[in-house]
Amino acid sequence: MTTSSPYKRIVLKLSGEALQGDLPYGIDPAMLNAIAGELKAVQEMGLQVAIVVGGGNIFRGAEASSAGMDRATGDYAGMLATIINALALQDALERNGITVRTQSAITVTAVAEPYIRRRAIRHLEKGRVVIFAAGTGNPYMTTDTAAALRGIEIDADVLLMAKKNVDGVYERDPIKDPSARKFEKLSYLDALNRRVQVMDSTALSLCMENTLPIIVFDLRAKDSITNAASGNHTGTRVGDYQTTFAEPAGKPG
């Protein structure tokens, strides 16, 4: 099956909170199955799919650090949390008939391959979904930075940032200020200067320097991943654009 999508290879960033679904903690099996079903549809469109997972539904190194834990130790613990999420997602995808390879930036050979750029690209070329776990393998670096870095390394065409209950990027917090306008398109520089909640500044700078476009969308919207991957208008597009607002003003998802 083919598609008119402008993309050939995509990187999807899934936060730990996205996998949490409606649960207060951990992994929601229903959310996993829903994501797996959409990714199966995306792959059947002929696209090559890589995924970067976060770990905030299980452990956050920055929060542990603020409570007194050594920051580097906390970040390594957070990397282990991303591996748990990656294995859960791998299982859900395999149950949907998708061939998956999980690659980890830290050594856990019993459950995942080491991250090797050329091997990852070969997996994608063979039609396998690749899940990147353990962030960049370095403390003080977020999984947003890992998503930007892996996207650039594998020559992805776009980075899809799946958010939980937010349908794009707003000039202000739309929950606190219902009059806040949603951006339809947002330039890299405006995103950095306005300090809007797209991703951390290191990740955004990487995308800007390497011209990797970003689409920010609400994971919970119907067919959200499929629509974003097929190039249909959804959420907010960040890249080499002139900044424009959505008309009429969007509403928080």
Protein backbone atom coordinates (compact mmCIF):
# COMPACT_ATOMS: atom_id res chain seq x y z
CA MET A 1 0.00 0.00 0.00
CA THR A 2 1.34 3.46 -0.90
CA THR A 3 0.40 6.99 -0.02
CA SER A 4 0.75 10.50 -1.35
CA SER A 5 2.52 11.47 1.88
CA PRO A 6 5.39 13.90 1.31
CA TYR A 7 7.49 11.83 3.71
CA LYS A 8 9.41 8.61 3.28
CA ARG A 9 10.90 8.21 6.77
CA ILE A 10 9.44 9.59 10.00
CA VAL A 11 10.46 9.74 13.66
CA LEU A 12 7.63 9.69 16.19
CA LYS A 13 8.37 11.01 19.69
CA LEU A 14 6.13 9.43 22.33
CA SER A 15 6.33 10.79 25.85
CA GLY A 16 5.98 8.51 28.83
CA GLU A 17 2.81 10.40 29.74
CA ALA A 18 1.33 9.45 26.37
CA LEU A 19 1.74 5.76 27.20
CA GLN A 20 0.22 6.37 30.63
CA GLY A 21 -3.19 7.11 29.12
CA ASP A 22 -5.76 7.78 31.85
CA LEU A 23 -3.81 5.91 34.51
CA PRO A 24 -2.12 7.83 37.33
CA TYR A 25 1.11 5.90 36.75
CA GLY A 26 2.62 3.28 34.49
CA ILE A 27 1.49 1.98 31.10
CA ASP A 28 -2.10 1.85 29.84
CA PRO A 29 -2.58 -1.31 27.68
CA ALA A 30 -5.50 0.30 25.83
CA MET A 31 -3.34 3.27 24.84
CA LEU A 32 -0.54 0.95 23.74
CA ASN A 33 -2.93 -1.00 21.52
CA ALA A 34 -4.37 2.18 20.02
CA ILE A 35 -0.89 3.49 19.18
CA ALA A 36 0.12 0.13 17.71
CA GLY A 37 -2.97 0.05 15.51
CA GLU A 38 -2.24 3.49 14.11
CA LEU A 39 1.41 2.68 13.51
CA LYS A 40 0.39 -0.43 11.60
CA ALA A 41 -1.74 1.77 9.34
CA VAL A 42 1.15 4.21 8.88
CA GLN A 43 3.55 1.43 7.96
CA GLU A 44 1.04 0.00 5.49
CA MET A 45 1.05 3.40 3.80
CA GLY A 46 4.64 2.64 2.80
CA LEU A 47 6.40 4.86 5.33
CA GLN A 48 9.50 3.93 7.30
CA VAL A 49 8.83 4.43 11.02
CA ALA A 50 11.22 5.08 13.90
CA ILE A 51 10.05 5.85 17.44
CA VAL A 52 11.70 7.53 20.41
CA VAL A 53 10.06 6.89 23.78
CA GLY A 54 10.23 8.85 27.01
CA GLY A 55 10.01 7.50 30.54
CA GLY A 56 8.15 10.12 32.58
CA ASN A 57 5.28 7.76 33.37
CA ILE A 58 7.70 5.65 35.41
CA PHE A 59 10.62 7.82 36.53
CA ARG A 60 11.88 11.38 36.02
CA GLY A 61 15.53 12.07 36.67
CA ALA A 62 15.06 15.84 36.99
CA GLU A 63 12.39 15.43 39.66
CA ALA A 64 14.50 12.90 41.54
CA SER A 65 17.41 15.34 41.40
CA SER A 66 15.28 18.13 42.92
CA ALA A 67 14.52 15.73 45.78
CA GLY A 68 18.22 15.20 46.46
CA MET A 69 19.30 12.38 44.13
CA ASP A 70 22.47 12.83 42.12
CA ARG A 71 21.32 14.20 38.74
CA ALA A 72 23.38 11.84 36.60
CA THR A 73 22.18 8.83 38.61
CA GLY A 74 18.59 10.00 38.28
CA ASP A 75 18.94 10.45 34.52
CA TYR A 76 20.35 6.94 34.11
CA ALA A 77 17.39 5.60 36.07
CA GLY A 78 15.15 7.53 33.69
CA MET A 79 16.87 5.83 30.75
CA LEU A 80 15.96 2.47 32.23
CA ALA A 81 12.34 3.65 32.41
CA THR A 82 12.40 4.37 28.67
CA ILE A 83 13.59 0.81 28.04
CA ILE A 84 10.59 -0.55 29.95
CA ASN A 85 8.30 1.57 27.78
CA ALA A 86 10.11 0.51 24.62
CA LEU A 87 9.66 -3.18 25.44
CA ALA A 88 5.96 -2.67 26.16
CA LEU A 89 5.51 -0.83 22.87
CA GLN A 90 7.52 -3.47 21.02
CA ASP A 91 5.21 -6.18 22.35
CA ALA A 92 2.09 -4.26 21.33
CA LEU A 93 3.43 -3.69 17.82
CA GLU A 94 4.41 -7.33 17.41
CA ARG A 95 0.93 -8.43 18.47
CA ASN A 96 -0.32 -6.28 15.60
CA GLY A 97 1.88 -8.16 13.13
CA ILE A 98 4.65 -5.57 12.88
CA THR A 99 8.33 -6.54 12.84
CA VAL A 100 10.17 -4.44 15.41
CA ARG A 101 13.74 -3.84 16.51
CA THR A 102 14.52 -2.01 19.75
CA GLN A 103 17.87 -0.26 19.99
CA SER A 104 19.21 1.13 23.25
CA ALA A 105 21.76 3.89 23.76
CA ILE A 106 22.99 2.05 26.88
CA THR A 107 24.06 -1.59 26.92
CA VAL A 108 21.21 -3.98 27.72
CA THR A 109 21.91 -6.73 25.21
CA ALA A 110 19.55 -9.22 26.88
CA VAL A 111 16.54 -7.17 25.73
CA ALA A 112 17.68 -4.73 23.04
CA GLU A 113 20.28 -4.17 20.35
CA PRO A 114 22.89 -1.48 20.90
CA TYR A 115 22.19 1.67 18.94
CA ILE A 116 24.12 1.52 15.67
CA ARG A 117 23.13 4.13 13.11
CA ARG A 118 23.76 2.09 9.97
CA ARG A 119 21.98 -0.94 11.41
CA ALA A 120 18.97 1.20 12.33
CA ILE A 121 18.77 2.56 8.78
CA ARG A 122 19.00 -0.97 7.37
CA HIS A 123 16.14 -2.12 9.60
CA LEU A 124 14.02 0.76 8.31
CA GLU A 125 14.88 -0.05 4.71
CA LYS A 126 13.71 -3.62 5.32
CA GLY A 127 10.34 -2.38 6.56
CA ARG A 128 10.92 -2.86 10.28
CA VAL A 129 9.83 -0.37 12.91
CA VAL A 130 12.77 0.77 15.04
CA ILE A 131 12.30 1.90 18.64
CA PHE A 132 15.09 4.02 20.12
CA ALA A 133 15.36 3.65 23.89
CA ALA A 134 17.52 5.16 26.66
CA GLY A 135 17.59 8.64 25.16
CA THR A 136 21.02 9.68 23.92
CA GLY A 137 22.72 7.49 26.54
CA ASN A 138 23.96 10.62 28.32
CA PRO A 139 22.69 12.30 31.49
CA TYR A 140 21.45 15.90 31.30
CA MET A 141 19.96 15.20 27.86
CA THR A 142 16.21 14.83 27.40
CA THR A 143 14.41 12.32 25.20
CA ASP A 144 13.30 15.31 23.10
CA THR A 145 16.98 15.86 22.31
CA ALA A 146 17.29 12.14 21.57
CA ALA A 147 14.37 12.37 19.13
CA ALA A 148 15.94 15.31 17.32
CA LEU A 149 19.36 13.65 17.25
CA ARG A 150 18.09 10.27 16.01
CA GLY A 151 15.91 11.98 13.41
CA ILE A 152 18.92 13.83 12.02
CA GLU A 153 21.18 10.75 12.18
CA ILE A 154 18.80 8.51 10.21
CA ASP A 155 17.93 11.29 7.74
CA ALA A 156 14.24 11.41 8.68
CA ASP A 157 11.96 13.73 6.75
CA VAL A 158 9.96 14.92 9.77
CA LEU A 159 9.77 14.65 13.55
CA LEU A 160 6.26 14.01 14.87
CA MET A 161 5.84 15.21 18.46
CA ALA A 162 2.81 13.49 20.01
CA LYS A 163 1.38 15.45 22.94
CA LYS A 164 -1.19 14.44 25.53
CA ASN A 165 -4.41 16.48 25.33
CA VAL A 166 -2.80 19.45 23.56
CA ASP A 167 -3.55 19.87 19.86
CA GLY A 168 -0.58 22.05 18.96
CA VAL A 169 1.56 24.94 20.17
CA TYR A 170 -0.10 27.98 21.75
CA GLU A 171 1.25 31.46 22.45
CA ARG A 172 0.28 30.95 26.11
CA ASP A 173 -1.01 28.08 28.20
CA PRO A 174 -4.54 27.53 26.78
CA ILE A 175 -5.71 25.93 30.02
CA LYS A 176 -4.88 29.04 32.03
CA ASP A 177 -5.81 31.47 29.24
CA PRO A 178 -8.63 30.28 26.95
CA SER A 179 -8.01 33.28 24.66
CA ALA A 180 -4.52 32.02 23.76
CA ARG A 181 -4.10 31.51 20.03
CA LYS A 182 -2.73 28.34 18.47
CA PHE A 183 0.07 28.57 15.96
CA GLU A 184 -0.62 27.05 12.58
CA LYS A 185 3.03 27.43 11.58
CA LEU A 186 5.91 28.51 13.76
CA SER A 187 9.46 29.36 12.80
CA TYR A 188 12.32 27.75 14.67
CA LEU A 189 13.57 31.15 15.87
CA ASP A 190 10.14 32.24 17.09
CA ALA A 191 9.78 28.94 18.96
CA LEU A 192 13.13 29.56 20.67
CA ASN A 193 12.55 33.25 21.37
CA ARG A 194 9.00 32.79 22.66
CA ARG A 195 10.08 29.81 24.81
CA VAL A 196 6.89 27.98 23.90
CA GLN A 197 6.44 24.38 24.99
CA VAL A 198 7.51 22.58 21.80
CA MET A 199 10.58 20.78 23.11
CA ASP A 200 13.68 21.75 25.04
CA SER A 201 15.96 24.38 23.48
CA THR A 202 18.79 21.93 22.75
CA ALA A 203 16.48 19.70 20.72
CA LEU A 204 14.91 22.65 18.93
CA SER A 205 18.32 24.09 18.06
CA LEU A 206 19.37 20.74 16.61
CA CYS A 207 16.28 20.65 14.43
CA MET A 208 16.86 24.24 13.29
CA GLU A 209 20.53 23.72 12.45
CA ASN A 210 19.73 20.61 10.42
CA THR A 211 16.37 21.76 8.97
CA LEU A 212 14.35 18.91 10.46
CA PRO A 213 10.68 19.99 10.45
CA ILE A 214 8.47 19.24 13.46
CA ILE A 215 4.74 18.58 13.73
CA VAL A 216 3.20 18.95 17.20
CA PHE A 217 -0.18 17.25 17.53
CA ASP A 218 -2.63 15.70 20.00
CA LEU A 219 -2.08 11.96 20.23
CA ARG A 220 -5.65 11.41 21.40
CA ALA A 221 -7.31 12.96 18.36
CA LYS A 222 -8.87 10.44 15.95
CA ASP A 223 -6.31 9.02 13.49
CA SER A 224 -3.81 11.57 14.78
CA ILE A 225 -0.61 9.69 13.93
CA THR A 226 -1.95 8.64 10.53
CA ASN A 227 -2.96 12.20 9.67
CA ALA A 228 0.35 13.69 10.78
CA ALA A 229 2.37 11.03 8.93
CA SER A 230 0.38 11.45 5.72
CA GLY A 231 1.05 15.19 5.63
CA ASN A 232 -2.54 16.21 6.31
CA HIS A 233 -2.86 19.46 8.21
CA THR A 234 -2.82 18.74 11.92
CA GLY A 235 -1.52 20.50 15.00
CA THR A 236 1.31 23.01 14.63
CA ARG A 237 4.15 22.84 12.12
CA VAL A 238 7.54 24.11 13.27
CA GLY A 239 10.26 24.76 10.71
CA ASP A 240 11.49 27.25 8.12
CA TYR A 241 8.12 28.98 8.00
CA GLN A 242 6.71 32.41 8.56
CA THR A 243 4.87 32.26 11.87
CA THR A 244 1.08 32.24 11.44
CA PHE A 245 -1.83 31.61 13.78
CA ALA A 246 -4.61 29.11 13.16
CA GLU A 247 -7.91 30.68 12.08
CA PRO A 248 -10.24 30.39 13.81
CA ALA A 249 -8.25 30.10 17.02
CA GLY A 250 -7.80 26.49 18.06
CA LYS A 251 -8.91 25.07 21.34
CA PRO A 252 -6.95 22.82 23.69
CA GLY A 253 -7.56 19.16 22.91
